[in-house]
């Protein structure tokens, strides 16, 4: 069993976290761990973003923070242009 880096119980796999939120409506609220899995990040990164007032919109504070799935989708779509596919090197 893996230990959660934030010291709050056992760490669940990304697949398990995604399975927990599969089928939820866009208006559903999810935990930090679930949100991190959803956007391909980690709980620690999400915590850092919150402390720097960056990252996706969240609700709550301290130990009770939740993210709305629709806000995560909006945040990811707003960053889509920042992520560019690697272009193959042309033959010289």
C-alpha atoms as a PDB file:
ATOM      1  CA  UNK A   1       0.000   0.000   0.000  1.00  0.00           C
ATOM      2  CA  UNK A   2       1.295   3.457  -0.910  1.00  0.00           C
ATOM      3  CA  UNK A   3       1.243   6.265   1.628  1.00  0.00           C
ATOM      4  CA  UNK A   4      -0.342   9.541   0.577  1.00  0.00           C
ATOM      5  CA  UNK A   5       2.280  12.292   0.448  1.00  0.00           C
ATOM      6  CA  UNK A   6      -0.095  14.636   2.240  1.00  0.00           C
ATOM      7  CA  UNK A   7      -0.362  12.191   5.147  1.00  0.00           C
ATOM      8  CA  UNK A   8      -4.092  11.655   4.828  1.00  0.00           C
ATOM      9  CA  UNK A   9      -4.462   7.916   4.466  1.00  0.00           C
ATOM     10  CA  UNK A  10      -3.529   5.434   1.745  1.00  0.00           C
ATOM     11  CA  UNK A  11      -2.941   6.674  -1.774  1.00  0.00           C
ATOM     12  CA  UNK A  12      -5.307   5.339  -4.412  1.00  0.00           C
ATOM     13  CA  UNK A  13      -4.238   4.688  -7.986  1.00  0.00           C
ATOM     14  CA  UNK A  14      -5.204   7.076 -10.756  1.00  0.00           C
ATOM     15  CA  UNK A  15      -7.364   4.361 -12.310  1.00  0.00           C
ATOM     16  CA  UNK A  16      -9.244   3.862  -9.022  1.00  0.00           C
ATOM     17  CA  UNK A  17      -9.792   7.602  -8.620  1.00  0.00           C
ATOM     18  CA  UNK A  18     -11.044   7.952 -12.196  1.00  0.00           C
ATOM     19  CA  UNK A  19     -13.365   4.968 -11.735  1.00  0.00           C
ATOM     20  CA  UNK A  20     -14.880   6.675  -8.676  1.00  0.00           C
ATOM     21  CA  UNK A  21     -15.884   9.736 -10.695  1.00  0.00           C
ATOM     22  CA  UNK A  22     -16.809   8.022 -13.965  1.00  0.00           C
ATOM     23  CA  UNK A  23     -20.349   8.886 -14.964  1.00  0.00           C
ATOM     24  CA  UNK A  24     -20.689  11.879 -12.631  1.00  0.00           C
ATOM     25  CA  UNK A  25     -22.418  14.922 -14.124  1.00  0.00           C
ATOM     26  CA  UNK A  26     -20.319  18.017 -14.944  1.00  0.00           C
ATOM     27  CA  UNK A  27     -21.854  19.804 -11.945  1.00  0.00           C
ATOM     28  CA  UNK A  28     -20.472  17.218  -9.491  1.00  0.00           C
ATOM     29  CA  UNK A  29     -17.850  18.159  -6.934  1.00  0.00           C
ATOM     30  CA  UNK A  30     -14.801  15.942  -6.460  1.00  0.00           C
ATOM     31  CA  UNK A  31     -11.923  15.753  -3.995  1.00  0.00           C
ATOM     32  CA  UNK A  32      -8.451  17.086  -4.642  1.00  0.00           C
ATOM     33  CA  UNK A  33      -7.125  13.575  -5.326  1.00  0.00           C
ATOM     34  CA  UNK A  34      -9.914  12.885  -7.814  1.00  0.00           C
ATOM     35  CA  UNK A  35      -9.436  16.273  -9.505  1.00  0.00           C
ATOM     36  CA  UNK A  36      -5.701  15.677  -9.783  1.00  0.00           C
ATOM     37  CA  UNK A  37      -6.269  12.286 -11.396  1.00  0.00           C
ATOM     38  CA  UNK A  38      -8.819  13.823 -13.763  1.00  0.00           C
ATOM     39  CA  UNK A  39      -6.389  16.440 -15.075  1.00  0.00           C
ATOM     40  CA  UNK A  40      -3.330  14.175 -14.913  1.00  0.00           C
ATOM     41  CA  UNK A  41      -1.638  15.900 -11.998  1.00  0.00           C
ATOM     42  CA  UNK A  42      -0.985  15.123  -8.329  1.00  0.00           C
ATOM     43  CA  UNK A  43      -2.571  16.246  -5.069  1.00  0.00           C
ATOM     44  CA  UNK A  44       0.676  17.965  -4.113  1.00  0.00           C
ATOM     45  CA  UNK A  45       0.683  20.033  -7.308  1.00  0.00           C
ATOM     46  CA  UNK A  46      -2.944  20.979  -6.722  1.00  0.00           C
ATOM     47  CA  UNK A  47      -2.057  22.112  -3.194  1.00  0.00           C
ATOM     48  CA  UNK A  48       0.837  24.204  -4.529  1.00  0.00           C
ATOM     49  CA  UNK A  49      -1.381  25.795  -7.159  1.00  0.00           C
ATOM     50  CA  UNK A  50      -3.961  26.707  -4.519  1.00  0.00           C
ATOM     51  CA  UNK A  51      -1.291  28.306  -2.336  1.00  0.00           C
ATOM     52  CA  UNK A  52      -0.130  30.351  -5.351  1.00  0.00           C
ATOM     53  CA  UNK A  53      -3.695  31.171  -6.462  1.00  0.00           C
ATOM     54  CA  UNK A  54      -3.136  29.269  -9.708  1.00  0.00           C
ATOM     55  CA  UNK A  55      -4.735  26.242 -11.286  1.00  0.00           C
ATOM     56  CA  UNK A  56      -8.395  25.356 -11.651  1.00  0.00           C
ATOM     57  CA  UNK A  57     -11.139  26.992  -9.617  1.00  0.00           C
ATOM     58  CA  UNK A  58     -11.858  25.301  -6.298  1.00  0.00           C
ATOM     59  CA  UNK A  59     -14.374  25.593  -3.500  1.00  0.00           C
ATOM     60  CA  UNK A  60     -13.775  25.399   0.242  1.00  0.00           C
ATOM     61  CA  UNK A  61     -10.599  25.816   2.229  1.00  0.00           C
ATOM     62  CA  UNK A  62      -8.028  24.000   4.342  1.00  0.00           C
ATOM     63  CA  UNK A  63      -8.928  20.318   4.667  1.00  0.00           C
ATOM     64  CA  UNK A  64     -12.247  20.579   2.810  1.00  0.00           C
ATOM     65  CA  UNK A  65     -11.550  21.557  -0.786  1.00  0.00           C
ATOM     66  CA  UNK A  66     -13.620  20.405  -3.741  1.00  0.00           C
ATOM     67  CA  UNK A  67     -13.445  20.934  -7.482  1.00  0.00           C
ATOM     68  CA  UNK A  68     -16.389  20.993  -9.883  1.00  0.00           C
ATOM     69  CA  UNK A  69     -15.831  18.758 -12.912  1.00  0.00           C
ATOM     70  CA  UNK A  70     -17.089  21.453 -15.297  1.00  0.00           C
ATOM     71  CA  UNK A  71     -14.501  23.892 -13.870  1.00  0.00           C
ATOM     72  CA  UNK A  72     -11.761  21.308 -14.453  1.00  0.00           C
ATOM     73  CA  UNK A  73     -12.919  20.860 -18.059  1.00  0.00           C
ATOM     74  CA  UNK A  74     -12.978  24.626 -18.579  1.00  0.00           C
ATOM     75  CA  UNK A  75      -9.507  25.036 -17.068  1.00  0.00           C
ATOM     76  CA  UNK A  76      -8.070  22.250 -19.231  1.00  0.00           C
ATOM     77  CA  UNK A  77      -9.647  23.643 -22.410  1.00  0.00           C
ATOM     78  CA  UNK A  78      -8.250  27.096 -21.646  1.00  0.00           C
ATOM     79  CA  UNK A  79      -4.758  25.574 -21.490  1.00  0.00           C
ATOM     80  CA  UNK A  80      -5.105  23.487 -24.673  1.00  0.00           C
ATOM     81  CA  UNK A  81      -3.008  25.887 -26.724  1.00  0.00           C
ATOM     82  CA  UNK A  82      -0.169  25.694 -24.195  1.00  0.00           C
ATOM     83  CA  UNK A  83       0.231  21.998 -24.938  1.00  0.00           C
ATOM     84  CA  UNK A  84       1.551  21.371 -28.398  1.00  0.00           C
ATOM     85  CA  UNK A  85       2.334  18.011 -29.925  1.00  0.00           C
ATOM     86  CA  UNK A  86       5.994  17.283 -30.535  1.00  0.00           C
ATOM     87  CA  UNK A  87       6.710  17.819 -34.189  1.00  0.00           C
ATOM     88  CA  UNK A  88       8.910  15.199 -35.854  1.00  0.00           C
ATOM     89  CA  UNK A  89      12.318  16.375 -36.985  1.00  0.00           C
ATOM     90  CA  UNK A  90      12.463  16.834 -40.712  1.00  0.00           C
ATOM     91  CA  UNK A  91      15.085  14.892 -42.633  1.00  0.00           C
ATOM     92  CA  UNK A  92      17.965  17.186 -43.561  1.00  0.00           C
END
